[in-house]
Amino acid sequence: MMRLLAAILATLATLGGCAQQLERPPPPAATVAAGNLPRAEPRAALGNPPFYDVEGHRYFVLASAEGYVEQGVASWYGPDFHGLRTATGEPYDMRAMTGAHPTLPLPAWVQVTNLQNGRSAIVRLNDRGPFRKNRIIDLSQAAAEQLDMIRAGTALVEVRSLATAGADIAPPAETRRFYAQAGAFADPDNAERLATRLRTLGLGPVAVVTVAIDGRRLHRVRVGPVGSVSEFDLLVERLRQAGIEAPRLALD
């Protein structure tokens, strides 16, 4: 809900304008609304510049949505923006399963899973945003209702691209423990140095987790766990004050 109407309309005029931001048991599979099956679509004529600037930050639009997976915080926007034009030029319909993303090409189909309750939905992206730190996707009211995040306003989610028509839909995720990842290093000594600095600053508990990716060992520095979006936001802000530029959500 923090999209700042004036700033977006001024800086994203070339995008065709934007509609702006404002627990039940998990289902057995991702819910797909009638007529909302992922399908191949041409790149929209509006909303896909190479890059654009909002409030001093530059966003680069990705060439493709293939293989995109990210975890972070989702927000939603509703009645105040119903009927306004989205970045692709389509009217925003709060009853449709749509959403906004800062960098994926538009339109794009994604599966959004609420990692806190396992609920999942298929969403068509046709707008830009959100532009608030720590937020990775802005959902329509209908999509937010499906994920059971209306009352909270935000949720810890995974966004997974369904770039190929007929792409497999992943099963709902089990609830997990959440952390803020402060860095990832090939050199374990660098990871330990950062972990020691964060512990000295009282940012704990801090752990170094080693994983193997494509035959290479990567040492990730994680702080937490955290139990909610507000805890995650607070921890991210403390990490930024400690000089960590881009902390991200991580799962155990």
Protein backbone atom coordinates (compact mmCIF):
# COMPACT_ATOMS: atom_id res chain seq x y z
CA MET A 1 0.00 0.00 0.00
CA MET A 2 3.05 2.22 -0.06
CA ARG A 3 3.45 2.65 -3.82
CA LEU A 4 3.25 6.50 -3.81
CA LEU A 5 0.86 7.41 -6.63
CA ALA A 6 2.50 10.62 -7.77
CA ALA A 7 6.01 9.17 -8.00
CA ILE A 8 4.94 6.22 -10.07
CA LEU A 9 2.76 8.15 -12.50
CA ALA A 10 5.55 10.65 -13.05
CA THR A 11 8.41 8.21 -13.57
CA LEU A 12 6.53 5.39 -15.32
CA ALA A 13 4.61 7.38 -17.89
CA THR A 14 6.49 5.52 -20.63
CA LEU A 15 5.17 2.25 -19.22
CA GLY A 16 1.63 3.24 -19.99
CA GLY A 17 0.81 4.07 -16.37
CA CYS A 18 0.43 1.80 -13.38
CA ALA A 19 -2.22 0.67 -11.02
CA GLN A 20 -0.59 1.07 -7.66
CA GLN A 21 -0.06 -0.69 -4.40
CA LEU A 22 -2.00 -0.43 -1.65
CA GLU A 23 -4.96 -19.34 8.08
CA ARG A 24 -6.64 -21.80 6.53
CA PRO A 25 -5.32 -25.34 5.75
CA PRO A 26 -3.36 -25.43 2.45
CA PRO A 27 -5.13 -26.82 -0.63
CA PRO A 28 -3.77 -29.99 -2.23
CA ALA A 29 -2.48 -28.10 -5.26
CA ALA A 30 -2.13 -24.60 -6.68
CA THR A 31 -5.53 -23.08 -7.43
CA VAL A 32 -6.05 -22.08 -11.06
CA ALA A 33 -9.03 -19.83 -11.69
CA ALA A 34 -11.17 -20.57 -14.73
CA GLY A 35 -9.55 -19.05 -17.81
CA ASN A 36 -6.36 -18.38 -15.85
CA LEU A 37 -4.25 -21.23 -17.21
CA PRO A 38 -0.65 -20.24 -18.04
CA ARG A 39 -0.23 -19.68 -21.75
CA ALA A 40 2.34 -18.27 -24.12
CA GLU A 41 1.76 -14.56 -24.81
CA PRO A 42 3.67 -12.01 -26.88
CA ARG A 43 5.66 -9.37 -25.03
CA ALA A 44 3.43 -6.36 -24.36
CA ALA A 45 4.06 -3.21 -26.37
CA LEU A 46 3.79 -1.17 -23.15
CA GLY A 47 5.53 -1.77 -19.85
CA ASN A 48 8.73 -3.37 -21.14
CA PRO A 49 11.44 -0.71 -21.54
CA PRO A 50 15.05 -1.87 -21.14
CA PHE A 51 15.07 -0.07 -17.79
CA TYR A 52 13.19 2.58 -15.82
CA ASP A 53 13.75 4.68 -12.67
CA VAL A 54 11.54 5.08 -9.61
CA GLU A 55 12.54 7.22 -6.63
CA GLY A 56 16.22 7.14 -7.52
CA HIS A 57 16.42 3.39 -8.11
CA ARG A 58 16.93 1.89 -11.57
CA TYR A 59 15.10 -1.31 -12.49
CA PHE A 60 16.28 -3.43 -15.44
CA VAL A 61 13.57 -5.47 -17.18
CA LEU A 62 14.65 -9.08 -17.67
CA ALA A 63 14.95 -10.44 -21.19
CA SER A 64 13.05 -13.60 -20.22
CA ALA A 65 11.10 -15.08 -17.32
CA GLU A 66 12.60 -18.55 -17.94
CA GLY A 67 13.92 -20.14 -14.77
CA TYR A 68 12.99 -17.26 -12.47
CA VAL A 69 12.53 -18.26 -8.81
CA GLU A 70 12.71 -15.86 -5.87
CA GLN A 71 11.67 -15.77 -2.23
CA GLY A 72 10.68 -12.58 -0.47
CA VAL A 73 7.75 -10.49 0.74
CA ALA A 74 4.49 -10.07 -1.18
CA SER A 75 2.02 -7.22 -0.72
CA TRP A 76 -1.36 -6.55 -2.40
CA TYR A 77 -3.44 -3.71 -3.86
CA GLY A 78 -7.20 -3.50 -4.11
CA PRO A 79 -10.29 -1.26 -4.45
CA ASP A 80 -8.47 2.09 -4.48
CA PHE A 81 -6.84 1.12 -7.79
CA HIS A 82 -9.64 -0.89 -9.40
CA GLY A 83 -10.07 0.21 -13.02
CA LEU A 84 -6.83 2.16 -13.23
CA ARG A 85 -4.48 1.40 -16.10
CA THR A 86 -1.68 -1.09 -15.48
CA ALA A 87 1.78 -0.95 -17.05
CA THR A 88 0.61 -3.01 -20.04
CA GLY A 89 -2.32 -0.65 -20.62
CA GLU A 90 -4.93 -3.10 -19.35
CA PRO A 91 -7.34 -1.95 -16.62
CA TYR A 92 -6.55 -3.28 -13.16
CA ASP A 93 -9.22 -5.72 -12.03
CA MET A 94 -8.99 -6.49 -8.33
CA ARG A 95 -11.15 -9.60 -8.91
CA ALA A 96 -8.72 -11.10 -11.44
CA MET A 97 -5.69 -13.25 -10.56
CA THR A 98 -3.06 -10.69 -11.54
CA GLY A 99 -0.03 -9.01 -10.07
CA ALA A 100 2.81 -6.54 -10.44
CA HIS A 101 6.54 -7.23 -10.60
CA PRO A 102 9.42 -4.76 -10.97
CA THR A 103 11.60 -6.64 -13.48
CA LEU A 104 9.93 -9.67 -15.10
CA PRO A 105 8.83 -9.11 -18.71
CA LEU A 106 5.11 -8.41 -19.09
CA PRO A 107 2.89 -10.28 -19.31
CA ALA A 108 4.33 -13.21 -17.36
CA TRP A 109 2.76 -16.16 -15.60
CA VAL A 110 4.00 -17.13 -12.14
CA GLN A 111 3.08 -19.46 -9.34
CA VAL A 112 3.02 -17.64 -6.02
CA THR A 113 3.18 -19.75 -2.85
CA ASN A 114 2.59 -18.40 0.64
CA LEU A 115 5.47 -20.02 2.51
CA GLN A 116 3.77 -19.40 5.86
CA ASN A 117 0.67 -21.51 5.15
CA GLY A 118 1.39 -23.48 1.95
CA ARG A 119 -1.41 -21.87 -0.09
CA SER A 120 -0.58 -21.33 -3.76
CA ALA A 121 -2.07 -19.55 -6.78
CA ILE A 122 -1.34 -18.94 -10.46
CA VAL A 123 -1.00 -15.24 -11.27
CA ARG A 124 -0.65 -13.29 -14.51
CA LEU A 125 1.68 -10.30 -14.16
CA ASN A 126 0.60 -7.21 -16.07
CA ASP A 127 1.84 -4.32 -13.93
CA ARG A 128 5.00 -2.81 -12.44
CA GLY A 129 5.80 -2.62 -8.75
CA PRO A 130 6.08 -2.90 -5.83
CA PHE A 131 8.74 -0.27 -5.24
CA ARG A 132 9.18 -0.65 -1.50
CA LYS A 133 12.29 -2.33 -0.09
CA ASN A 134 11.98 -6.05 0.67
CA ARG A 135 8.85 -6.45 -1.49
CA ILE A 136 9.18 -8.67 -4.58
CA ILE A 137 5.60 -8.88 -5.90
CA ASP A 138 2.32 -6.98 -5.58
CA LEU A 139 -0.85 -9.09 -5.90
CA SER A 140 -4.43 -8.34 -6.82
CA GLN A 141 -7.03 -8.62 -4.10
CA ALA A 142 -8.27 -11.93 -5.57
CA ALA A 143 -4.77 -13.42 -5.54
CA ALA A 144 -4.14 -12.16 -2.00
CA GLU A 145 -7.39 -13.74 -0.85
CA GLN A 146 -6.34 -17.07 -2.38
CA LEU A 147 -3.07 -16.90 -0.43
CA ASP A 148 -4.94 -15.88 2.76
CA MET A 149 -2.87 -12.73 3.27
CA ILE A 150 -5.57 -10.03 3.16
CA ARG A 151 -5.67 -9.32 6.88
CA ALA A 152 -1.90 -9.36 7.35
CA GLY A 153 -1.34 -7.30 4.20
CA THR A 154 1.95 -9.06 3.46
CA ALA A 155 3.31 -12.61 3.37
CA LEU A 156 6.59 -14.44 2.89
CA VAL A 157 6.28 -16.05 -0.54
CA GLU A 158 8.03 -17.87 -3.32
CA VAL A 159 7.51 -16.59 -6.87
CA ARG A 160 8.19 -19.20 -9.56
CA SER A 161 7.98 -18.48 -13.29
CA LEU A 162 5.69 -20.56 -15.49
CA ALA A 163 7.25 -19.10 -18.62
CA THR A 164 6.53 -22.10 -20.83
CA ALA A 165 2.93 -22.84 -21.74
CA GLY A 166 1.85 -25.96 -19.92
CA ALA A 167 4.69 -25.67 -17.41
CA ASP A 168 4.43 -27.97 -14.42
CA ILE A 169 2.80 -26.46 -11.34
CA ALA A 170 4.76 -27.19 -8.19
CA PRO A 171 2.95 -28.73 -5.20
CA PRO A 172 2.21 -26.38 -2.28
CA ALA A 173 5.30 -25.82 -0.17
CA GLU A 174 5.52 -27.02 3.40
CA THR A 175 5.96 -24.30 6.00
CA ARG A 176 9.63 -23.57 6.54
CA ARG A 177 11.91 -21.56 8.79
CA PHE A 178 12.96 -18.16 7.42
CA TYR A 179 16.25 -16.27 7.60
CA ALA A 180 17.87 -13.14 6.24
CA GLN A 181 20.85 -14.04 4.09
CA ALA A 182 23.60 -11.44 4.51
CA GLY A 183 26.04 -12.83 1.96
CA ALA A 184 27.33 -15.86 0.04
CA PHE A 185 31.01 -16.63 -0.48
CA ALA A 186 33.19 -19.15 -2.28
CA ASP A 187 35.88 -18.59 0.38
CA PRO A 188 34.77 -19.95 3.78
CA ASP A 189 37.11 -17.53 5.58
CA ASN A 190 35.22 -14.56 4.10
CA ALA A 191 31.94 -16.06 5.27
CA GLU A 192 33.26 -16.59 8.79
CA ARG A 193 34.61 -13.05 8.94
CA LEU A 194 31.20 -11.62 8.06
CA ALA A 195 29.47 -13.94 10.52
CA THR A 196 31.84 -12.86 13.30
CA ARG A 197 31.23 -9.17 12.52
CA LEU A 198 27.46 -9.64 12.62
CA ARG A 199 27.65 -11.51 15.92
CA THR A 200 29.79 -8.72 17.37
CA LEU A 201 27.09 -6.24 16.37
CA GLY A 202 24.49 -8.32 18.21
CA LEU A 203 22.81 -9.53 15.04
CA GLY A 204 22.25 -13.11 16.02
CA PRO A 205 21.93 -15.94 15.93
CA VAL A 206 24.24 -16.06 12.90
CA ALA A 207 25.20 -19.24 11.05
CA VAL A 208 27.29 -20.18 8.02
CA VAL A 209 25.52 -22.74 5.85
CA THR A 210 27.54 -24.58 3.17
CA VAL A 211 25.79 -25.81 0.03
CA ALA A 212 26.96 -27.42 -3.22
CA ILE A 213 25.85 -25.73 -6.44
CA ASP A 214 27.01 -27.06 -9.82
CA GLY A 215 29.92 -28.81 -8.16
CA ARG A 216 31.03 -25.69 -6.27
CA ARG A 217 30.78 -25.12 -2.53
CA LEU A 218 29.10 -21.89 -1.48
CA HIS A 219 29.12 -20.58 2.09
CA ARG A 220 26.01 -18.58 2.99
CA VAL A 221 25.80 -16.30 6.01
CA ARG A 222 22.32 -16.36 7.50
CA VAL A 223 20.75 -14.51 10.43
CA GLY A 224 17.64 -15.73 12.20
CA PRO A 225 15.26 -17.43 12.06
CA VAL A 226 12.43 -14.90 11.87
CA GLY A 227 8.77 -15.67 12.35
CA SER A 228 6.97 -12.92 10.43
CA VAL A 229 7.27 -10.24 7.76
CA SER A 230 7.68 -7.53 10.42
CA GLU A 231 10.58 -9.42 12.03
CA PHE A 232 12.17 -9.92 8.61
CA ASP A 233 11.80 -6.21 7.75
CA LEU A 234 13.36 -5.18 11.06
CA LEU A 235 16.28 -7.58 10.62
CA VAL A 236 16.88 -6.42 7.05
CA GLU A 237 16.97 -2.80 8.20
CA ARG A 238 19.52 -3.63 10.90
CA LEU A 239 21.64 -5.49 8.34
CA ARG A 240 21.54 -2.50 6.00
CA GLN A 241 22.64 -0.25 8.86
CA ALA A 242 25.55 -2.68 9.31
CA GLY A 243 26.57 -2.18 5.69
CA ILE A 244 24.88 -5.21 4.12
CA GLU A 245 23.48 -3.81 0.89
CA ALA A 246 21.13 -6.52 -0.33
CA PRO A 247 20.02 -9.01 2.33
CA ARG A 248 17.50 -11.50 1.02
CA LEU A 249 14.99 -14.02 2.32
CA ALA A 250 16.39 -17.55 2.71
CA LEU A 251 14.75 -20.82 3.75
CA ASP A 252 16.15 -23.70 5.75
